[in-house]
Amino acid sequence: MAKTVNSILIVGGGTAGWMSAAYLARHLGSDLPNGVKITLVESSDIPVIGVGEGTFPSIRTTLGLIGIDEAEFIRKADATFKQGIKFVNWETDPATTSEHFYYNLFENPHMIQNSEDLAPYWAFRHSKYNPSFSDSVSFQHGICESKKAPKQQSDKGFFAPMNYAYHLDAGKLAELLKEHSLRLGIKHLIGTVDKVNVKENGEIKSVLLKGGKTLEADMFIDCTGFAALLIDKTMGSKRKPVDDVLFVDRALVAQVPYEDKMCAIASSTLSTAQEAGWLWDIGLRHRRGTGHVYSSRHSTDEQAERVLEKYLGASAKKASPRLLKMQTGYREKHWVKNCVAVGLSGGFLEPLEATGIVLIEAGIRMIGDYFPRHGDFDIVARHYNRAMRERYEDAVSFVKLHYYLSRREDNAFWIDNRDPSSVPDYLKEKLELWRYRLPRASDFHSSNRLFSHEIYQYILLGMGYKPDLIANQSSFPFIRQADNEFQNIQIAKQNALRVMPDHRELIEAAQDENFSFG
């Protein structure tokens, strides 16, 4: 009979470690007499990487399940609202054409009254409509442009008229999750792993810390980041590189204080394409988180630093950029025997679309769902590995799409990204399907996909992709209803602009400990 799994050791802290601890403590009843006991051990000399500082809307569900109050989260994680991503100059080089931007919004495009998809009607008759696609199909575009918040104080915690996520301070988020985890019964230890002891059957038995302390557990979660001390160094699960598809492998990261402490805060991530990569710009309460993501094959570190300095302007004098060398790729086996990788130990693609945190969320939810209390690791591992592999494959293709659709010619970086040999077959097949129509929900057969068909619509139409719909004119019987809905959206935008609070104003109000939503 298999051994009952009653204890988990999480090795490593940061967002991955403490989010795993908090979620599994709630899900597995760590504070109950018969619950699974969880210990987290972390080294005191390993900093939180905290690259993109962005999240996906799923974070709201995760925080709610963990039991964290939204207002407390905003205060303690220095969080602001994120309603999508504004992509600037990704389609063409502004030196040869006018500056261009589009939004990938978190709010899905509106539907026609009879639940007909509105997006194809815009694509079919886009020349008739002056606003961009995102501005035509959702009033959230206008909310973002005006730096408004997605909700009012009267809206309940984690709920709002519009879909949203957050920007945050990764270090402060880890501290909040740690504080909450300890309340949930997590045991916390400081120590550096010196050796991993393995049983005869290949499972991990214990870890030996420097200083001589041995920690045993029934199950181990590897949150040691790029080091991957357990999943790679001990269990032998190697990383599958994706640098032949995604070329960016460097990031220059800089935190920049505001010149005006009460200036407006953007409620979307700003992503601005550059000659050999792109820049992110994220607005928190007291500072901007910025970074230049680029390919070392197409730019030197010195060139990349000049690009970042030019973008920051006078603010560059107050910035001290740090260089991150990123290992792009993922484990095809995230779960081996009694060891599971979560976070950077399992894989890293790049900071686009906050994929890192959303993959952490997906992983810990499945660990909770599949948890092998009776020790049946092998069958659970097969299901888990298939699901995570599909998620990473989906994410790789999704990120690649942003580069592949660009028509920039100013650097070999963009030209090389359009080389068909660098495009996954999965994406090629989808693009062939979308030559004559837009993405639909039925195009995605796995429940493990991370990104909805609506998100693909925002990117395709935002980047100027034009499916050939002429032969399908008979497939658009609701043109009058679509025209009415486009008009209704513009009216709704004006109404929303009048009633939704200023983003900075709501964030400042939430700093009061007596503030609450709902």
Protein backbone atom coordinates (compact mmCIF):
# COMPACT_ATOMS: atom_id res chain seq x y z
CA MET A 1 0.00 0.00 0.00
CA ALA A 2 1.30 3.45 -0.95
CA LYS A 3 2.45 5.77 1.78
CA THR A 4 0.05 8.55 2.77
CA VAL A 5 1.37 12.04 1.87
CA ASN A 6 1.06 14.15 4.98
CA SER A 7 3.88 16.68 4.58
CA ILE A 8 5.25 19.03 1.93
CA LEU A 9 8.59 20.86 1.89
CA ILE A 10 8.74 23.93 -0.32
CA VAL A 11 12.34 24.84 -1.13
CA GLY A 12 12.63 28.51 -2.04
CA GLY A 13 10.58 31.60 -1.29
CA GLY A 14 9.70 34.55 -3.53
CA THR A 15 6.38 34.75 -5.34
CA ALA A 16 6.47 31.09 -6.43
CA GLY A 17 7.29 29.70 -3.00
CA TRP A 18 4.97 31.80 -0.88
CA MET A 19 2.06 31.67 -3.33
CA SER A 20 2.41 27.87 -3.36
CA ALA A 21 2.49 27.85 0.44
CA ALA A 22 -0.55 30.07 0.91
CA TYR A 23 -2.70 28.36 -1.71
CA LEU A 24 -1.87 24.80 -0.67
CA ALA A 25 -2.28 25.65 3.02
CA ARG A 26 -5.86 26.73 2.32
CA HIS A 27 -6.57 23.90 -0.10
CA LEU A 28 -5.04 21.13 2.00
CA GLY A 29 -6.11 22.36 5.45
CA SER A 30 -2.66 22.91 6.93
CA ASP A 31 -4.12 24.54 10.03
CA LEU A 32 -6.36 21.51 10.76
CA PRO A 33 -5.32 18.52 12.89
CA ASN A 34 -5.56 16.09 9.95
CA GLY A 35 -4.36 18.57 7.34
CA VAL A 36 -1.18 18.37 5.27
CA LYS A 37 1.72 20.02 7.07
CA ILE A 38 3.73 22.44 4.94
CA THR A 39 7.21 23.80 5.63
CA LEU A 40 8.98 26.43 3.53
CA VAL A 41 12.74 26.83 3.69
CA GLU A 42 14.45 29.71 1.92
CA SER A 43 17.93 31.13 1.75
CA SER A 44 18.48 34.57 3.25
CA ASP A 45 20.89 35.66 0.51
CA ILE A 46 18.87 35.02 -2.67
CA PRO A 47 16.93 38.13 -3.84
CA VAL A 48 13.49 38.13 -5.50
CA ILE A 49 13.97 38.61 -9.26
CA GLY A 50 10.65 40.43 -9.75
CA VAL A 51 10.98 41.22 -13.44
CA GLY A 52 7.75 42.36 -15.06
CA GLU A 53 5.66 43.17 -11.97
CA GLY A 54 2.48 42.43 -13.92
CA THR A 55 -0.30 39.86 -13.53
CA PHE A 56 -3.22 38.30 -15.38
CA PRO A 57 -6.89 38.59 -14.22
CA SER A 58 -6.72 35.08 -12.77
CA ILE A 59 -4.72 36.55 -9.87
CA ARG A 60 -7.96 37.92 -8.41
CA THR A 61 -9.41 34.42 -8.08
CA THR A 62 -6.14 33.15 -6.61
CA LEU A 63 -5.97 35.91 -4.00
CA GLY A 64 -9.62 35.37 -3.12
CA LEU A 65 -9.10 31.62 -2.66
CA ILE A 66 -6.06 32.27 -0.49
CA GLY A 67 -8.17 34.58 1.65
CA ILE A 68 -6.43 37.93 1.16
CA ASP A 69 -8.56 41.09 1.19
CA GLU A 70 -8.25 43.19 -1.97
CA ALA A 71 -7.78 46.51 -0.20
CA GLU A 72 -5.09 44.99 2.05
CA PHE A 73 -3.39 43.56 -1.03
CA ILE A 74 -3.33 46.97 -2.73
CA ARG A 75 -1.79 48.59 0.34
CA LYS A 76 0.79 45.93 1.20
CA ALA A 77 1.86 44.87 -2.31
CA ASP A 78 1.97 48.48 -3.55
CA ALA A 79 -0.49 47.34 -6.20
CA THR A 80 -2.20 49.35 -8.91
CA PHE A 81 -4.78 48.24 -11.48
CA LYS A 82 -3.89 46.73 -14.84
CA GLN A 83 -6.60 46.57 -17.51
CA GLY A 84 -4.50 45.29 -20.37
CA ILE A 85 -1.38 46.06 -22.38
CA LYS A 86 -0.83 49.01 -24.68
CA PHE A 87 1.50 47.99 -27.52
CA VAL A 88 3.29 50.90 -29.18
CA ASN A 89 5.15 50.67 -32.50
CA TRP A 90 5.03 46.88 -32.69
CA GLU A 91 3.47 46.87 -36.15
CA THR A 92 5.81 49.30 -37.94
CA ASP A 93 8.93 51.39 -37.33
CA PRO A 94 7.91 54.97 -36.34
CA ALA A 95 10.93 56.30 -38.28
CA THR A 96 9.23 55.29 -41.53
CA THR A 97 5.53 55.51 -40.57
CA SER A 98 3.48 57.38 -37.99
CA GLU A 99 3.46 56.06 -34.42
CA HIS A 100 0.97 53.26 -33.97
CA PHE A 101 -0.51 51.58 -30.93
CA TYR A 102 -3.17 49.05 -30.02
CA TYR A 103 -4.60 47.62 -26.82
CA ASN A 104 -4.86 44.02 -25.73
CA LEU A 105 -7.63 44.56 -23.21
CA PHE A 106 -8.73 42.24 -20.44
CA GLU A 107 -12.38 43.01 -21.16
CA ASN A 108 -13.66 40.81 -23.97
CA PRO A 109 -15.06 42.48 -27.08
CA HIS A 110 -18.79 43.17 -26.75
CA MET A 111 -21.32 40.83 -28.28
CA ILE A 112 -24.27 41.66 -30.47
CA GLN A 113 -27.62 41.20 -28.68
CA ASN A 114 -28.13 37.72 -30.10
CA SER A 115 -24.67 36.66 -28.75
CA GLU A 116 -23.11 37.00 -32.17
CA ASP A 117 -19.38 37.79 -32.10
CA LEU A 118 -18.83 41.49 -32.85
CA ALA A 119 -15.15 41.24 -33.88
CA PRO A 120 -15.71 39.78 -37.39
CA TYR A 121 -18.09 42.63 -38.21
CA TRP A 122 -15.38 45.15 -37.40
CA ALA A 123 -12.88 43.21 -39.54
CA PHE A 124 -15.40 42.91 -42.38
CA ARG A 125 -16.21 46.64 -42.41
CA HIS A 126 -13.25 48.14 -40.50
CA SER A 127 -12.77 51.00 -42.98
CA LYS A 128 -16.24 52.22 -42.03
CA TYR A 129 -15.33 52.65 -38.36
CA ASN A 130 -12.94 55.42 -37.34
CA PRO A 131 -11.89 54.07 -33.95
CA SER A 132 -9.33 51.28 -33.66
CA PHE A 133 -10.52 47.74 -33.05
CA SER A 134 -10.10 47.89 -29.27
CA ASP A 135 -11.81 51.29 -29.09
CA SER A 136 -14.65 49.99 -31.28
CA VAL A 137 -15.44 46.82 -29.35
CA SER A 138 -14.86 47.85 -25.71
CA PHE A 139 -15.20 51.05 -23.70
CA GLN A 140 -12.25 49.85 -21.58
CA HIS A 141 -9.96 51.32 -24.25
CA GLY A 142 -11.15 54.81 -23.32
CA ILE A 143 -10.87 54.05 -19.59
CA CYS A 144 -7.22 53.08 -20.07
CA GLU A 145 -6.42 56.09 -22.24
CA SER A 146 -7.89 58.38 -19.58
CA LYS A 147 -6.01 56.62 -16.76
CA LYS A 148 -9.24 55.74 -14.97
CA ALA A 149 -9.71 52.84 -12.56
CA PRO A 150 -11.70 49.73 -13.61
CA LYS A 151 -13.90 49.85 -10.49
CA GLN A 152 -15.40 52.07 -7.82
CA GLN A 153 -15.07 51.73 -4.07
CA SER A 154 -18.67 50.50 -3.93
CA ASP A 155 -17.77 47.46 -6.06
CA LYS A 156 -17.08 44.30 -4.07
CA GLY A 157 -13.54 43.04 -3.56
CA PHE A 158 -12.12 41.41 -6.71
CA PHE A 159 -15.27 42.31 -8.70
CA ALA A 160 -15.90 45.19 -11.11
CA PRO A 161 -17.80 46.22 -14.24
CA MET A 162 -14.58 45.58 -16.21
CA ASN A 163 -12.06 42.78 -16.14
CA TYR A 164 -8.71 43.67 -14.58
CA ALA A 165 -5.48 42.46 -12.98
CA TYR A 166 -2.73 44.33 -11.12
CA HIS A 167 0.71 45.81 -11.31
CA LEU A 168 2.64 45.23 -8.11
CA ASP A 169 5.95 45.20 -6.27
CA ALA A 170 7.11 41.56 -6.48
CA GLY A 171 9.13 41.78 -3.28
CA LYS A 172 6.22 43.23 -1.31
CA LEU A 173 3.83 40.63 -2.74
CA ALA A 174 6.14 37.86 -1.51
CA GLU A 175 6.18 39.46 1.96
CA LEU A 176 2.38 39.70 2.04
CA LEU A 177 2.02 36.06 0.96
CA LYS A 178 4.57 35.06 3.58
CA GLU A 179 2.71 36.94 6.32
CA HIS A 180 -0.58 35.34 5.28
CA SER A 181 0.95 31.86 4.94
CA LEU A 182 2.27 31.96 8.49
CA ARG A 183 -1.26 32.71 9.71
CA LEU A 184 -2.41 29.62 7.82
CA GLY A 185 -0.04 27.32 9.69
CA ILE A 186 2.99 27.26 7.39
CA LYS A 187 6.30 26.53 9.15
CA HIS A 188 9.07 28.87 7.96
CA LEU A 189 12.81 28.14 8.10
CA ILE A 190 15.87 30.05 6.89
CA GLY A 191 18.60 27.90 5.38
CA THR A 192 20.58 27.07 2.27
CA VAL A 193 20.37 23.60 0.76
CA ASP A 194 23.73 21.82 0.82
CA LYS A 195 22.69 18.34 -0.30
CA VAL A 196 19.59 16.46 -1.45
CA ASN A 197 19.17 12.89 -0.24
CA VAL A 198 17.41 10.38 -2.51
CA LYS A 199 15.72 7.07 -1.68
CA GLU A 200 16.44 3.82 -3.52
CA ASN A 201 13.21 4.24 -5.53
CA GLY A 202 14.38 7.62 -6.86
CA GLU A 203 12.15 9.79 -4.67
CA ILE A 204 13.60 12.61 -2.60
CA LYS A 205 13.96 11.64 1.04
CA SER A 206 15.28 14.87 2.59
CA VAL A 207 17.38 17.98 2.10
CA LEU A 208 20.46 18.76 4.17
CA LEU A 209 20.99 22.43 5.00
CA LYS A 210 24.32 24.12 5.51
CA GLY A 211 24.90 23.85 9.24
CA GLY A 212 23.75 20.25 9.38
CA LYS A 213 19.95 20.40 9.76
CA THR A 214 18.03 17.72 7.82
CA LEU A 215 14.47 18.32 6.58
CA GLU A 216 12.32 15.35 5.60
CA ALA A 217 8.95 15.41 3.81
CA ASP A 218 6.67 13.20 1.76
CA MET A 219 6.57 15.64 -1.15
CA PHE A 220 8.88 18.44 -2.33
CA ILE A 221 8.13 21.60 -4.33
CA ASP A 222 11.08 23.20 -6.10
CA CYS A 223 10.85 27.00 -6.04
CA THR A 224 14.62 27.57 -6.30
CA GLY A 225 14.35 29.63 -9.50
CA PHE A 226 16.80 29.20 -12.36
CA ALA A 227 19.02 27.05 -10.08
CA ALA A 228 16.38 24.26 -10.16
CA LEU A 229 18.18 22.45 -7.35
CA LEU A 230 15.61 19.67 -6.99
CA ILE A 231 13.89 19.17 -10.34
CA ASP A 232 17.05 19.44 -12.46
CA LYS A 233 20.13 18.90 -10.30
CA THR A 234 18.54 16.00 -8.36
CA MET A 235 15.69 14.55 -10.45
CA GLY A 236 17.34 15.13 -13.83
CA SER A 237 14.46 16.85 -15.62
CA LYS A 238 16.21 19.03 -18.19
CA ARG A 239 14.99 22.31 -19.63
CA LYS A 240 13.76 22.38 -23.21
CA PRO A 241 15.20 25.59 -24.73
CA VAL A 242 12.98 27.82 -26.89
CA ASP A 243 15.60 30.37 -27.96
CA ASP A 244 15.11 29.24 -31.58
CA VAL A 245 11.56 30.64 -31.32
CA LEU A 246 11.80 33.43 -28.74
CA PHE A 247 15.01 35.39 -29.24
CA VAL A 248 15.01 37.77 -26.28
CA ASP A 249 17.36 36.60 -23.53
CA ARG A 250 18.38 39.77 -21.71
CA ALA A 251 16.59 42.42 -19.66
CA LEU A 252 17.87 45.72 -18.29
CA VAL A 253 15.62 46.55 -15.34
CA ALA A 254 15.29 50.00 -13.76
CA GLN A 255 12.97 51.46 -11.13
CA VAL A 256 12.29 55.14 -11.68
CA PRO A 257 10.66 57.53 -9.15
CA TYR A 258 7.98 59.93 -10.35
CA GLU A 259 8.93 63.57 -10.80
CA ASP A 260 5.45 64.49 -9.55
CA LYS A 261 4.43 62.25 -6.63
CA MET A 262 0.73 62.73 -7.40
CA CYS A 263 0.90 62.31 -11.17
CA ALA A 264 -1.65 60.17 -13.01
CA ILE A 265 -0.98 56.42 -12.98
CA ALA A 266 -1.43 54.40 -16.15
CA SER A 267 -3.84 51.48 -15.70
CA SER A 268 -2.29 49.37 -18.45
CA THR A 269 1.19 48.03 -19.09
CA LEU A 270 3.01 50.07 -21.72
CA SER A 271 5.06 47.94 -24.13
CA THR A 272 7.06 49.91 -26.70
CA ALA A 273 8.89 48.08 -29.47
CA GLN A 274 12.55 48.93 -30.06
CA GLU A 275 15.13 47.97 -32.66
CA ALA A 276 16.07 44.63 -31.09
CA GLY A 277 13.36 44.06 -28.48
CA TRP A 278 10.91 46.12 -26.47
CA LEU A 279 10.50 48.24 -23.34
CA TRP A 280 7.99 47.79 -20.56
CA ASP A 281 6.74 50.64 -18.40
CA ILE A 282 4.58 49.87 -15.36
CA GLY A 283 3.05 52.46 -13.07
CA LEU A 284 3.05 51.77 -9.33
CA ARG A 285 2.09 54.25 -6.63
CA HIS A 286 5.53 55.75 -5.96
CA ARG A 287 7.52 54.70 -9.01
CA ARG A 288 7.58 53.26 -12.47
CA GLY A 289 8.98 49.80 -13.10
CA THR A 290 10.76 49.86 -16.46
CA GLY A 291 12.87 47.44 -18.40
CA HIS A 292 14.37 46.80 -21.80
CA VAL A 293 13.94 43.23 -23.05
CA TYR A 294 16.23 42.40 -25.95
CA SER A 295 18.13 39.74 -27.86
CA SER A 296 21.87 39.45 -27.22
CA ARG A 297 22.18 38.05 -30.76
CA HIS A 298 20.87 41.29 -32.21
CA SER A 299 22.13 43.91 -29.76
CA THR A 300 25.02 44.45 -27.37
CA ASP A 301 24.41 45.24 -23.70
CA GLU A 302 25.86 48.72 -24.30
CA GLN A 303 23.44 49.39 -27.18
CA ALA A 304 20.54 48.16 -25.06
CA GLU A 305 21.51 50.46 -22.21
CA ARG A 306 21.57 53.46 -24.57
CA VAL A 307 18.05 52.54 -25.78
CA LEU A 308 16.79 52.45 -22.19
CA GLU A 309 18.54 55.73 -21.31
CA LYS A 310 17.02 57.45 -24.35
CA TYR A 311 13.55 56.22 -23.38
CA LEU A 312 13.86 57.33 -19.75
CA GLY A 313 15.27 60.75 -20.67
CA ALA A 314 16.09 62.87 -17.62
CA SER A 315 14.83 60.10 -15.35
CA ALA A 316 17.75 57.91 -16.46
CA LYS A 317 20.01 59.82 -14.04
CA LYS A 318 17.99 58.42 -11.12
CA ALA A 319 17.98 54.87 -12.45
CA SER A 320 20.54 52.15 -11.82
CA PRO A 321 19.72 49.43 -14.37
CA ARG A 322 20.55 45.85 -13.47
CA LEU A 323 21.19 43.25 -16.12
CA LEU A 324 19.30 39.96 -16.09
CA LYS A 325 20.39 37.07 -18.27
CA MET A 326 17.31 34.95 -18.90
CA GLN A 327 17.25 31.22 -19.58
CA THR A 328 14.32 30.76 -21.94
CA GLY A 329 12.69 27.35 -22.00
CA TYR A 330 10.66 24.97 -19.88
CA ARG A 331 10.72 21.48 -18.38
CA GLU A 332 8.79 18.89 -20.33
CA LYS A 333 8.51 17.09 -16.98
CA HIS A 334 7.59 19.47 -14.17
CA TRP A 335 6.63 16.62 -11.82
CA VAL A 336 9.08 13.74 -11.27
CA LYS A 337 8.42 11.16 -8.52
CA ASN A 338 7.62 13.21 -5.39
CA CYS A 339 9.10 16.50 -6.69
CA VAL A 340 7.26 19.30 -8.52
CA ALA A 341 8.77 22.45 -10.05
CA VAL A 342 6.85 25.72 -9.67
CA GLY A 343 7.93 29.11 -11.03
CA LEU A 344 11.29 29.77 -12.68
CA SER A 345 12.54 26.30 -11.80
CA GLY A 346 9.87 24.97 -14.16
CA GLY A 347 10.38 27.44 -16.98
CA PHE A 348 10.71 31.02 -18.15
CA LEU A 349 9.72 32.58 -21.46
CA GLU A 350 9.90 36.37 -21.06
CA PRO A 351 8.06 39.10 -19.14
CA LEU A 352 5.43 39.58 -21.86
CA GLU A 353 1.81 39.03 -20.68
CA ALA A 354 2.86 38.22 -17.11
CA THR A 355 3.12 34.58 -18.13
CA GLY A 356 5.38 33.75 -15.20
CA ILE A 357 2.80 34.38 -12.48
CA VAL A 358 -0.12 32.93 -14.41
CA LEU A 359 1.85 29.69 -14.88
CA ILE A 360 2.58 29.64 -11.14
CA GLU A 361 -1.15 29.98 -10.51
CA ALA A 362 -1.98 27.19 -12.97
CA GLY A 363 0.63 24.92 -11.42
CA ILE A 364 -0.39 25.31 -7.78
CA ARG A 365 -4.08 24.91 -8.58
CA MET A 366 -3.37 21.62 -10.31
CA ILE A 367 -1.17 20.47 -7.43
CA GLY A 368 -4.14 21.13 -5.16
CA ASP A 369 -6.57 19.38 -7.52
CA TYR A 370 -4.33 16.38 -8.20
CA PHE A 371 -2.79 16.17 -4.72
CA PRO A 372 -1.72 12.51 -4.24
CA ARG A 373 -2.67 12.09 -0.60
CA HIS A 374 -2.31 8.33 -0.95
CA GLY A 375 1.11 8.50 -2.58
CA ASP A 376 0.11 7.69 -6.17
CA PHE A 377 2.70 10.07 -7.68
CA ASP A 378 3.23 8.44 -11.09
CA ILE A 379 -0.30 8.74 -12.51
CA VAL A 380 -0.71 12.26 -11.11
CA ALA A 381 2.65 13.29 -12.55
CA ARG A 382 1.62 12.14 -16.05
CA HIS A 383 -1.54 14.25 -15.97
CA TYR A 384 0.25 17.25 -14.50
CA ASN A 385 3.15 17.11 -16.97
CA ARG A 386 0.84 16.89 -19.97
CA ALA A 387 -1.21 19.85 -18.75
CA MET A 388 1.82 22.05 -18.01
CA ARG A 389 3.49 21.12 -21.28
CA GLU A 390 0.38 22.20 -23.18
CA ARG A 391 0.29 25.47 -21.27
CA TYR A 392 3.91 26.25 -22.06
CA GLU A 393 3.49 25.30 -25.72
CA ASP A 394 0.46 27.59 -25.88
CA ALA A 395 2.40 30.41 -24.21
CA VAL A 396 5.40 30.06 -26.54
CA SER A 397 3.18 30.31 -29.63
CA PHE A 398 1.19 33.18 -28.15
CA VAL A 399 4.29 35.24 -27.36
CA LYS A 400 5.82 34.46 -30.75
CA LEU A 401 2.70 35.81 -32.49
CA HIS A 402 3.49 39.36 -31.30
CA TYR A 403 6.85 39.31 -33.08
CA TYR A 404 5.79 37.34 -36.14
CA LEU A 405 3.04 39.79 -37.11
CA SER A 406 5.33 42.81 -37.03
CA ARG A 407 6.27 44.48 -40.30
CA ARG A 408 9.28 46.31 -38.85
CA GLU A 409 12.43 46.25 -41.00
CA ASP A 410 14.80 48.36 -38.88
CA ASN A 411 16.72 45.45 -37.38
CA ALA A 412 17.45 41.82 -38.19
CA PHE A 413 15.69 40.99 -34.92
CA TRP A 414 12.27 41.65 -36.46
CA ILE A 415 13.14 40.13 -39.83
CA ASP A 416 14.47 36.95 -38.20
CA ASN A 417 11.28 36.68 -36.13
CA ARG A 418 9.31 36.34 -39.37
CA ASP A 419 11.44 33.44 -40.59
CA PRO A 420 8.98 30.53 -40.92
CA SER A 421 11.58 28.16 -39.48
CA SER A 422 11.29 30.02 -36.14
CA VAL A 423 7.50 29.66 -35.95
CA PRO A 424 5.98 26.68 -34.05
CA ASP A 425 3.80 24.36 -36.13
CA TYR A 426 0.95 24.99 -33.68
CA LEU A 427 0.98 28.70 -34.56
CA LYS A 428 1.41 28.10 -38.28
CA GLU A 429 -1.66 25.91 -38.27
CA LYS A 430 -3.72 28.49 -36.42
CA LEU A 431 -2.66 31.32 -38.75
CA GLU A 432 -3.59 29.21 -41.75
CA LEU A 433 -7.00 28.67 -40.16
CA TRP A 434 -7.35 32.43 -39.61
CA ARG A 435 -6.54 33.44 -43.18
CA TYR A 436 -10.26 33.52 -43.95
CA ARG A 437 -11.83 34.12 -40.55
CA LEU A 438 -11.04 35.32 -37.05
CA PRO A 439 -10.21 33.10 -34.05
CA ARG A 440 -13.12 31.30 -32.40
CA ALA A 441 -13.41 29.42 -29.13
CA SER A 442 -13.71 26.13 -31.03
CA ASP A 443 -10.20 26.63 -32.46
CA PHE A 444 -8.70 25.70 -29.10
CA HIS A 445 -9.36 22.11 -28.14
CA SER A 446 -7.51 21.88 -24.84
CA SER A 447 -8.73 23.27 -21.53
CA ASN A 448 -5.07 23.85 -20.69
CA ARG A 449 -4.69 26.84 -22.97
CA LEU A 450 -3.82 30.09 -21.22
CA PHE A 451 -5.18 32.62 -23.70
CA SER A 452 -8.71 32.98 -25.03
CA HIS A 453 -9.68 33.49 -28.65
CA GLU A 454 -10.74 37.06 -27.79
CA ILE A 455 -7.15 37.90 -26.81
CA TYR A 456 -5.95 36.59 -30.17
CA GLN A 457 -8.52 38.83 -31.87
CA TYR A 458 -7.11 41.90 -30.10
CA ILE A 459 -3.58 41.08 -31.24
CA LEU A 460 -4.37 40.08 -34.82
CA LEU A 461 -6.58 43.07 -35.58
CA GLY A 462 -4.45 45.43 -33.50
CA MET A 463 -1.38 44.47 -35.54
CA GLY A 464 -3.15 45.05 -38.84
CA TYR A 465 -3.78 41.40 -39.67
CA LYS A 466 -6.60 41.26 -42.23
CA PRO A 467 -8.33 37.94 -42.85
CA ASP A 468 -9.89 37.61 -46.29
CA LEU A 469 -13.59 37.81 -45.47
CA ILE A 470 -14.91 38.86 -48.89
CA ALA A 471 -15.90 35.34 -49.91
CA ASN A 472 -17.82 35.00 -46.65
CA GLN A 473 -20.06 38.05 -47.04
CA SER A 474 -23.12 35.87 -46.52
CA SER A 475 -21.82 35.06 -43.03
CA PHE A 476 -22.60 38.58 -41.80
CA PRO A 477 -26.40 38.81 -41.55
CA PHE A 478 -26.43 41.12 -38.53
CA ILE A 479 -24.70 44.23 -39.90
CA ARG A 480 -27.44 46.58 -38.70
CA GLN A 481 -27.30 45.13 -35.16
CA ALA A 482 -23.50 45.33 -35.22
CA ASP A 483 -23.62 49.00 -36.24
CA ASN A 484 -25.99 49.71 -33.36
CA GLU A 485 -23.67 47.94 -30.90
CA PHE A 486 -20.65 49.93 -32.10
CA GLN A 487 -22.62 53.11 -31.41
CA ASN A 488 -23.75 51.82 -28.01
CA ILE A 489 -20.15 51.15 -27.03
CA GLN A 490 -19.17 54.75 -27.74
CA ILE A 491 -22.09 55.99 -25.64
CA ALA A 492 -21.14 53.59 -22.86
CA LYS A 493 -17.57 54.86 -22.99
CA GLN A 494 -18.67 58.43 -22.40
CA ASN A 495 -20.88 57.36 -19.50
CA ALA A 496 -18.06 55.31 -17.97
CA LEU A 497 -15.60 58.19 -18.25
CA ARG A 498 -17.99 60.33 -16.22
CA VAL A 499 -18.51 57.86 -13.36
CA MET A 500 -15.30 55.86 -13.04
CA PRO A 501 -12.77 57.28 -10.56
CA ASP A 502 -9.31 58.48 -11.42
CA HIS A 503 -6.84 55.60 -11.03
CA ARG A 504 -4.46 57.52 -8.75
CA GLU A 505 -7.39 58.79 -6.69
CA LEU A 506 -8.68 55.28 -5.94
CA ILE A 507 -5.23 53.89 -5.16
CA GLU A 508 -4.53 56.76 -2.75
CA ALA A 509 -7.89 56.25 -1.04
CA ALA A 510 -7.11 52.54 -0.59
CA GLN A 511 -4.05 53.40 1.52
CA ASP A 512 -6.34 54.18 4.47
CA GLU A 513 -6.55 51.07 6.65
CA ASN A 514 -10.28 51.73 7.13
CA PHE A 515 -10.84 51.61 3.35
CA SER A 516 -12.71 48.60 2.00
CA PHE A 517 -14.42 47.61 -1.23
CA GLY A 518 -18.10 46.80 -1.41
